[in-house]
PDB file of N, CA and C in Angstrom:
ATOM      1  N   UNK A   1      87.492 -84.201  -3.131  1.00  0.00           N
ATOM      2  CA  UNK A   1      86.993 -85.090  -2.110  1.00  0.00           C
ATOM      3  C   UNK A   1      85.475 -84.989  -2.054  1.00  0.00           C
ATOM      4  N   UNK A   2      84.820 -86.107  -2.067  1.00  0.00           N
ATOM      5  CA  UNK A   2      83.362 -86.138  -2.033  1.00  0.00           C
ATOM      6  C   UNK A   2      82.866 -85.855  -0.620  1.00  0.00           C
ATOM      7  N   UNK A   3      81.808 -85.075  -0.543  1.00  0.00           N
ATOM      8  CA  UNK A   3      81.210 -84.768   0.747  1.00  0.00           C
ATOM      9  C   UNK A   3      79.960 -85.588   0.968  1.00  0.00           C
ATOM     10  N   UNK A   4      79.432 -85.480   2.130  1.00  0.00           N
ATOM     11  CA  UNK A   4      78.201 -86.179   2.469  1.00  0.00           C
ATOM     12  C   UNK A   4      77.088 -85.151   2.555  1.00  0.00           C
ATOM     13  N   UNK A   5      75.998 -85.449   1.896  1.00  0.00           N
ATOM     14  CA  UNK A   5      74.842 -84.560   1.890  1.00  0.00           C
ATOM     15  C   UNK A   5      73.687 -85.317   2.530  1.00  0.00           C
ATOM     16  N   UNK A   6      73.045 -84.691   3.488  1.00  0.00           N
ATOM     17  CA  UNK A   6      71.881 -85.290   4.141  1.00  0.00           C
ATOM     18  C   UNK A   6      70.635 -84.898   3.354  1.00  0.00           C
ATOM     19  N   UNK A   7      69.861 -85.882   2.966  1.00  0.00           N
ATOM     20  CA  UNK A   7      68.640 -85.646   2.206  1.00  0.00           C
ATOM     21  C   UNK A   7      67.436 -86.082   3.032  1.00  0.00           C
ATOM     22  N   UNK A   8      66.310 -85.465   2.742  1.00  0.00           N
ATOM     23  CA  UNK A   8      65.062 -85.901   3.377  1.00  0.00           C
ATOM     24  C   UNK A   8      64.813 -87.364   2.994  1.00  0.00           C
ATOM     25  N   UNK A   9      64.293 -88.159   3.913  1.00  0.00           N
ATOM     26  CA  UNK A   9      64.067 -89.581   3.622  1.00  0.00           C
ATOM     27  C   UNK A   9      63.232 -89.820   2.360  1.00  0.00           C
ATOM     28  N   UNK A  10      62.211 -88.987   2.131  1.00  0.00           N
ATOM     29  CA  UNK A  10      61.374 -89.162   0.933  1.00  0.00           C
ATOM     30  C   UNK A  10      62.187 -88.940  -0.337  1.00  0.00           C
ATOM     31  N   UNK A  11      63.029 -87.925  -0.341  1.00  0.00           N
ATOM     32  CA  UNK A  11      63.867 -87.646  -1.504  1.00  0.00           C
ATOM     33  C   UNK A  11      64.881 -88.763  -1.717  1.00  0.00           C
ATOM     34  N   UNK A  12      65.477 -89.234  -0.640  1.00  0.00           N
ATOM     35  CA  UNK A  12      66.436 -90.332  -0.756  1.00  0.00           C
ATOM     36  C   UNK A  12      65.760 -91.584  -1.305  1.00  0.00           C
ATOM     37  N   UNK A  13      64.529 -91.835  -0.882  1.00  0.00           N
ATOM     38  CA  UNK A  13      63.790 -93.008  -1.378  1.00  0.00           C
ATOM     39  C   UNK A  13      63.525 -92.889  -2.875  1.00  0.00           C
ATOM     40  N   UNK A  14      63.188 -91.691  -3.342  1.00  0.00           N
ATOM     41  CA  UNK A  14      62.962 -91.487  -4.774  1.00  0.00           C
ATOM     42  C   UNK A  14      64.245 -91.703  -5.563  1.00  0.00           C
ATOM     43  N   UNK A  15      65.341 -91.175  -5.062  1.00  0.00           N
ATOM     44  CA  UNK A  15      66.636 -91.358  -5.727  1.00  0.00           C
ATOM     45  C   UNK A  15      66.994 -92.836  -5.767  1.00  0.00           C
ATOM     46  N   UNK A  16      66.820 -93.516  -4.661  1.00  0.00           N
ATOM     47  CA  UNK A  16      67.125 -94.945  -4.590  1.00  0.00           C
ATOM     48  C   UNK A  16      66.262 -95.746  -5.565  1.00  0.00           C
ATOM     49  N   UNK A  17      64.992 -95.375  -5.697  1.00  0.00           N
ATOM     50  CA  UNK A  17      64.095 -96.086  -6.609  1.00  0.00           C
ATOM     51  C   UNK A  17      64.523 -95.894  -8.058  1.00  0.00           C
ATOM     52  N   UNK A  18      64.852 -94.668  -8.441  1.00  0.00           N
ATOM     53  CA  UNK A  18      65.321 -94.416  -9.810  1.00  0.00           C
ATOM     54  C   UNK A  18      66.618 -95.179 -10.050  1.00  0.00           C
ATOM     55  N   UNK A  19      67.510 -95.160  -9.081  1.00  0.00           N
ATOM     56  CA  UNK A  19      68.778 -95.874  -9.224  1.00  0.00           C
ATOM     57  C   UNK A  19      68.543 -97.367  -9.441  1.00  0.00           C
ATOM     58  N   UNK A  20      67.679 -97.953  -8.646  1.00  0.00           N
ATOM     59  CA  UNK A  20      67.414 -99.388  -8.761  1.00  0.00           C
ATOM     60  C   UNK A  20      66.781 -99.737 -10.098  1.00  0.00           C
ATOM     61  N   UNK A  21      65.840 -98.930 -10.546  1.00  0.00           N
ATOM     62  CA  UNK A  21      65.144 -99.210 -11.801  1.00  0.00           C
ATOM     63  C   UNK A  21      66.013 -98.969 -13.023  1.00  0.00           C
ATOM     64  N   UNK A  22      67.027 -98.138 -12.890  1.00  0.00           N
ATOM     65  CA  UNK A  22      67.868 -97.810 -14.047  1.00  0.00           C
ATOM     66  C   UNK A  22      69.255 -98.442 -13.958  1.00  0.00           C
ATOM     67  N   UNK A  23      69.460 -99.309 -12.985  1.00  0.00           N
ATOM     68  CA  UNK A  23      70.753 -99.991 -12.795  1.00  0.00           C
ATOM     69  C   UNK A  23      71.907 -99.007 -12.639  1.00  0.00           C
ATOM     70  N   UNK A  24      71.648 -97.912 -11.942  1.00  0.00           N
ATOM     71  CA  UNK A  24      72.686 -96.924 -11.641  1.00  0.00           C
ATOM     72  C   UNK A  24      72.762 -96.761 -10.137  1.00  0.00           C
ATOM     73  N   UNK A  25      73.826 -96.155  -9.692  1.00  0.00           N
ATOM     74  CA  UNK A  25      73.957 -95.875  -8.265  1.00  0.00           C
ATOM     75  C   UNK A  25      73.217 -94.581  -7.937  1.00  0.00           C
ATOM     76  N   UNK A  26      72.847 -94.387  -6.689  1.00  0.00           N
ATOM     77  CA  UNK A  26      72.237 -93.106  -6.305  1.00  0.00           C
ATOM     78  C   UNK A  26      73.138 -91.918  -6.662  1.00  0.00           C
ATOM     79  N   UNK A  27      74.439 -92.084  -6.525  1.00  0.00           N
ATOM     80  CA  UNK A  27      75.356 -90.999  -6.876  1.00  0.00           C
ATOM     81  C   UNK A  27      75.271 -90.665  -8.367  1.00  0.00           C
ATOM     82  N   UNK A  28      75.087 -91.679  -9.213  1.00  0.00           N
ATOM     83  CA  UNK A  28      74.962 -91.435 -10.656  1.00  0.00           C
ATOM     84  C   UNK A  28      73.662 -90.706 -10.975  1.00  0.00           C
ATOM     85  N   UNK A  29      72.587 -91.039 -10.272  1.00  0.00           N
ATOM     86  CA  UNK A  29      71.308 -90.346 -10.471  1.00  0.00           C
ATOM     87  C   UNK A  29      71.460 -88.867 -10.112  1.00  0.00           C
ATOM     88  N   UNK A  30      72.095 -88.596  -8.995  1.00  0.00           N
ATOM     89  CA  UNK A  30      72.304 -87.208  -8.576  1.00  0.00           C
ATOM     90  C   UNK A  30      73.226 -86.489  -9.541  1.00  0.00           C
ATOM     91  N   UNK A  31      74.302 -87.151  -9.973  1.00  0.00           N
ATOM     92  CA  UNK A  31      75.232 -86.533 -10.922  1.00  0.00           C
ATOM     93  C   UNK A  31      74.533 -86.208 -12.235  1.00  0.00           C
ATOM     94  N   UNK A  32      73.640 -87.083 -12.692  1.00  0.00           N
ATOM     95  CA  UNK A  32      72.887 -86.824 -13.921  1.00  0.00           C
ATOM     96  C   UNK A  32      72.052 -85.567 -13.777  1.00  0.00           C
ATOM     97  N   UNK A  33      71.439 -85.404 -12.619  1.00  0.00           N
ATOM     98  CA  UNK A  33      70.636 -84.204 -12.370  1.00  0.00           C
ATOM     99  C   UNK A  33      71.506 -82.951 -12.375  1.00  0.00           C
ATOM    100  N   UNK A  34      72.648 -83.033 -11.751  1.00  0.00           N
ATOM    101  CA  UNK A  34      73.524 -81.863 -11.645  1.00  0.00           C
ATOM    102  C   UNK A  34      74.282 -81.571 -12.934  1.00  0.00           C
ATOM    103  N   UNK A  35      74.799 -82.609 -13.570  1.00  0.00           N
ATOM    104  CA  UNK A  35      75.622 -82.431 -14.773  1.00  0.00           C
ATOM    105  C   UNK A  35      74.801 -82.158 -16.029  1.00  0.00           C
ATOM    106  N   UNK A  36      73.616 -82.769 -16.123  1.00  0.00           N
ATOM    107  CA  UNK A  36      72.843 -82.707 -17.362  1.00  0.00           C
ATOM    108  C   UNK A  36      71.472 -82.066 -17.209  1.00  0.00           C
ATOM    109  N   UNK A  37      71.134 -81.626 -16.026  1.00  0.00           N
ATOM    110  CA  UNK A  37      69.851 -80.971 -15.811  1.00  0.00           C
ATOM    111  C   UNK A  37      68.668 -81.916 -15.832  1.00  0.00           C
ATOM    112  N   UNK A  38      68.924 -83.213 -15.683  1.00  0.00           N
ATOM    113  CA  UNK A  38      67.833 -84.187 -15.657  1.00  0.00           C
ATOM    114  C   UNK A  38      67.309 -84.290 -14.234  1.00  0.00           C
ATOM    115  N   UNK A  39      66.274 -83.508 -13.953  1.00  0.00           N
ATOM    116  CA  UNK A  39      65.713 -83.488 -12.608  1.00  0.00           C
ATOM    117  C   UNK A  39      65.246 -84.877 -12.198  1.00  0.00           C
ATOM    118  N   UNK A  40      65.039 -85.051 -10.935  1.00  0.00           N
ATOM    119  CA  UNK A  40      64.536 -86.324 -10.438  1.00  0.00           C
ATOM    120  C   UNK A  40      63.169 -86.622 -11.040  1.00  0.00           C
ATOM    121  N   UNK A  41      62.312 -85.611 -11.171  1.00  0.00           N
ATOM    122  CA  UNK A  41      61.014 -85.804 -11.826  1.00  0.00           C
ATOM    123  C   UNK A  41      61.208 -86.309 -13.253  1.00  0.00           C
ATOM    124  N   UNK A  42      62.135 -85.686 -13.990  1.00  0.00           N
ATOM    125  CA  UNK A  42      62.408 -86.092 -15.380  1.00  0.00           C
ATOM    126  C   UNK A  42      62.888 -87.531 -15.415  1.00  0.00           C
ATOM    127  N   UNK A  43      63.811 -87.876 -14.525  1.00  0.00           N
ATOM    128  CA  UNK A  43      64.357 -89.240 -14.509  1.00  0.00           C
ATOM    129  C   UNK A  43      63.287 -90.267 -14.156  1.00  0.00           C
ATOM    130  N   UNK A  44      62.401 -89.924 -13.227  1.00  0.00           N
ATOM    131  CA  UNK A  44      61.310 -90.843 -12.875  1.00  0.00           C
ATOM    132  C   UNK A  44      60.398 -91.073 -14.075  1.00  0.00           C
ATOM    133  N   UNK A  45      60.044 -90.001 -14.779  1.00  0.00           N
ATOM    134  CA  UNK A  45      59.187 -90.145 -15.970  1.00  0.00           C
ATOM    135  C   UNK A  45      59.888 -90.952 -17.048  1.00  0.00           C
ATOM    136  N   UNK A  46      61.189 -90.718 -17.238  1.00  0.00           N
ATOM    137  CA  UNK A  46      61.951 -91.452 -18.240  1.00  0.00           C
ATOM    138  C   UNK A  46      61.941 -92.952 -17.946  1.00  0.00           C
ATOM    139  N   UNK A  47      62.211 -93.313 -16.704  1.00  0.00           N
ATOM    140  CA  UNK A  47      62.226 -94.727 -16.328  1.00  0.00           C
ATOM    141  C   UNK A  47      60.850 -95.345 -16.550  1.00  0.00           C
ATOM    142  N   UNK A  48      59.789 -94.630 -16.190  1.00  0.00           N
ATOM    143  CA  UNK A  48      58.429 -95.151 -16.398  1.00  0.00           C
ATOM    144  C   UNK A  48      58.127 -95.342 -17.880  1.00  0.00           C
ATOM    145  N   UNK A  49      58.545 -94.397 -18.729  1.00  0.00           N
ATOM    146  CA  UNK A  49      58.310 -94.531 -20.175  1.00  0.00           C
ATOM    147  C   UNK A  49      59.083 -95.711 -20.754  1.00  0.00           C
ATOM    148  N   UNK A  50      60.304 -95.911 -20.296  1.00  0.00           N
ATOM    149  CA  UNK A  50      61.086 -97.055 -20.771  1.00  0.00           C
ATOM    150  C   UNK A  50      60.413 -98.352 -20.352  1.00  0.00           C
ATOM    151  N   UNK A  51      59.971 -98.427 -19.087  1.00  0.00           N
ATOM    152  CA  UNK A  51      59.274 -99.629 -18.625  1.00  0.00           C
ATOM    153  C   UNK A  51      58.019 -99.891 -19.451  1.00  0.00           C
ATOM    154  N   UNK A  52      57.262 -98.833 -19.758  1.00  0.00           N
ATOM    155  CA  UNK A  52      56.039 -98.990 -20.560  1.00  0.00           C
ATOM    156  C   UNK A  52      56.384 -99.467 -21.964  1.00  0.00           C
ATOM    157  N   UNK A  53      57.437 -98.918 -22.535  1.00  0.00           N
ATOM    158  CA  UNK A  53      57.855 -99.336 -23.872  1.00  0.00           C
ATOM    159  C   UNK A  53      58.297-100.789 -23.907  1.00  0.00           C
ATOM    160  N   UNK A  54      59.022-101.205 -22.896  1.00  0.00           N
ATOM    161  CA  UNK A  54      59.442-102.600 -22.827  1.00  0.00           C
ATOM    162  C   UNK A  54      58.250-103.528 -22.653  1.00  0.00           C
ATOM    163  N   UNK A  55      57.271-103.105 -21.854  1.00  0.00           N
ATOM    164  CA  UNK A  55      56.060-103.917 -21.677  1.00  0.00           C
ATOM    165  C   UNK A  55      55.304-104.042 -22.997  1.00  0.00           C
ATOM    166  N   UNK A  56      55.213-102.936 -23.754  1.00  0.00           N
ATOM    167  CA  UNK A  56      54.567-102.996 -25.068  1.00  0.00           C
ATOM    168  C   UNK A  56      55.316-103.954 -25.994  1.00  0.00           C
ATOM    169  N   UNK A  57      56.633-103.864 -26.009  1.00  0.00           N
ATOM    170  CA  UNK A  57      57.424-104.749 -26.870  1.00  0.00           C
ATOM    171  C   UNK A  57      57.244-106.203 -26.455  1.00  0.00           C
ATOM    172  N   UNK A  58      57.253-106.456 -25.156  1.00  0.00           N
ATOM    173  CA  UNK A  58      57.048-107.826 -24.669  1.00  0.00           C
ATOM    174  C   UNK A  58      55.681-108.361 -25.078  1.00  0.00           C
ATOM    175  N   UNK A  59      54.689-107.462 -25.181  1.00  0.00           N
ATOM    176  CA  UNK A  59      53.332-107.874 -25.555  1.00  0.00           C
ATOM    177  C   UNK A  59      53.148-107.897 -27.075  1.00  0.00           C
ATOM    178  N   UNK A  60      54.213-107.594 -27.818  1.00  0.00           N
ATOM    179  CA  UNK A  60      54.129-107.631 -29.282  1.00  0.00           C
ATOM    180  C   UNK A  60      53.555-106.378 -29.901  1.00  0.00           C
ATOM    181  N   UNK A  61      53.453-105.300 -29.129  1.00  0.00           N
ATOM    182  CA  UNK A  61      52.924-104.042 -29.655  1.00  0.00           C
ATOM    183  C   UNK A  61      54.083-103.169 -30.127  1.00  0.00           C
ATOM    184  N   UNK A  62      54.213-103.049 -31.445  1.00  0.00           N
ATOM    185  CA  UNK A  62      55.289-102.270 -32.046  1.00  0.00           C
ATOM    186  C   UNK A  62      54.695-101.163 -32.903  1.00  0.00           C
ATOM    187  N   UNK A  63      55.512-100.173 -33.211  1.00  0.00           N
ATOM    188  CA  UNK A  63      55.075 -99.098 -34.103  1.00  0.00           C
ATOM    189  C   UNK A  63      54.881 -99.662 -35.509  1.00  0.00           C
ATOM    190  N   UNK A  64      53.873 -99.154 -36.195  1.00  0.00           N
ATOM    191  CA  UNK A  64      53.607 -99.579 -37.562  1.00  0.00           C
ATOM    192  C   UNK A  64      54.345 -98.666 -38.534  1.00  0.00           C
ATOM    193  N   UNK A  65      54.357 -99.049 -39.803  1.00  0.00           N
ATOM    194  CA  UNK A  65      54.951 -98.191 -40.836  1.00  0.00           C
ATOM    195  C   UNK A  65      54.251 -96.837 -40.864  1.00  0.00           C
ATOM    196  N   UNK A  66      52.932 -96.847 -40.678  1.00  0.00           N
ATOM    197  CA  UNK A  66      52.173 -95.589 -40.661  1.00  0.00           C
ATOM    198  C   UNK A  66      52.601 -94.714 -39.479  1.00  0.00           C
ATOM    199  N   UNK A  67      52.870 -95.327 -38.330  1.00  0.00           N
ATOM    200  CA  UNK A  67      53.359 -94.575 -37.175  1.00  0.00           C
ATOM    201  C   UNK A  67      54.691 -93.901 -37.489  1.00  0.00           C
ATOM    202  N   UNK A  68      55.593 -94.640 -38.113  1.00  0.00           N
ATOM    203  CA  UNK A  68      56.893 -94.079 -38.473  1.00  0.00           C
ATOM    204  C   UNK A  68      56.747 -92.950 -39.483  1.00  0.00           C
ATOM    205  N   UNK A  69      55.887 -93.144 -40.460  1.00  0.00           N
ATOM    206  CA  UNK A  69      55.684 -92.104 -41.472  1.00  0.00           C
ATOM    207  C   UNK A  69      55.094 -90.844 -40.849  1.00  0.00           C
ATOM    208  N   UNK A  70      54.128 -91.020 -39.964  1.00  0.00           N
ATOM    209  CA  UNK A  70      53.518 -89.883 -39.278  1.00  0.00           C
ATOM    210  C   UNK A  70      54.573 -89.121 -38.472  1.00  0.00           C
ATOM    211  N   UNK A  71      55.445 -89.825 -37.802  1.00  0.00           N
ATOM    212  CA  UNK A  71      56.507 -89.191 -37.023  1.00  0.00           C
ATOM    213  C   UNK A  71      57.522 -88.510 -37.940  1.00  0.00           C
ATOM    214  N   UNK A  72      57.870 -89.169 -39.023  1.00  0.00           N
ATOM    215  CA  UNK A  72      58.860 -88.630 -39.960  1.00  0.00           C
ATOM    216  C   UNK A  72      58.395 -87.324 -40.570  1.00  0.00           C
ATOM    217  N   UNK A  73      57.121 -87.211 -40.836  1.00  0.00           N
ATOM    218  CA  UNK A  73      56.596 -86.027 -41.511  1.00  0.00           C
ATOM    219  C   UNK A  73      55.941 -85.021 -40.558  1.00  0.00           C
ATOM    220  N   UNK A  74      55.993 -85.297 -39.298  1.00  0.00           N
ATOM    221  CA  UNK A  74      55.291 -84.473 -38.307  1.00  0.00           C
ATOM    222  C   UNK A  74      55.669 -83.003 -38.381  1.00  0.00           C
ATOM    223  N   UNK A  75      56.927 -82.702 -38.541  1.00  0.00           N
ATOM    224  CA  UNK A  75      57.371 -81.316 -38.509  1.00  0.00           C
ATOM    225  C   UNK A  75      57.772 -80.768 -39.886  1.00  0.00           C
ATOM    226  N   UNK A  76      57.470 -81.515 -40.899  1.00  0.00           N
ATOM    227  CA  UNK A  76      57.760 -81.050 -42.256  1.00  0.00           C
ATOM    228  C   UNK A  76      56.539 -80.325 -42.803  1.00  0.00           C
ATOM    229  N   UNK A  77      56.771 -79.250 -43.571  1.00  0.00           N
ATOM    230  CA  UNK A  77      55.621 -78.584 -44.179  1.00  0.00           C
ATOM    231  C   UNK A  77      54.946 -79.501 -45.199  1.00  0.00           C
ATOM    232  N   UNK A  78      53.656 -79.357 -45.297  1.00  0.00           N
ATOM    233  CA  UNK A  78      52.881 -80.210 -46.213  1.00  0.00           C
ATOM    234  C   UNK A  78      53.107 -79.805 -47.647  1.00  0.00           C
TER     235      UNK A  78
END
């Protein structure tokens, strides 16, 4: 049986904002934090990075072949 947890209004507002931006319910945001260790700070940063990436794509800014090559070889010994 699910219980009711009272949260500070500021915390509830942050949870609600992440939920709205990620098309999830507040309960799913909280479950993600508890089940997978994705803190609210982590989830907020993730949503912001996704929004930034989508804005770049909408503006026609994509990774180049050189970007992919740099990433592919980043952790390989020279």
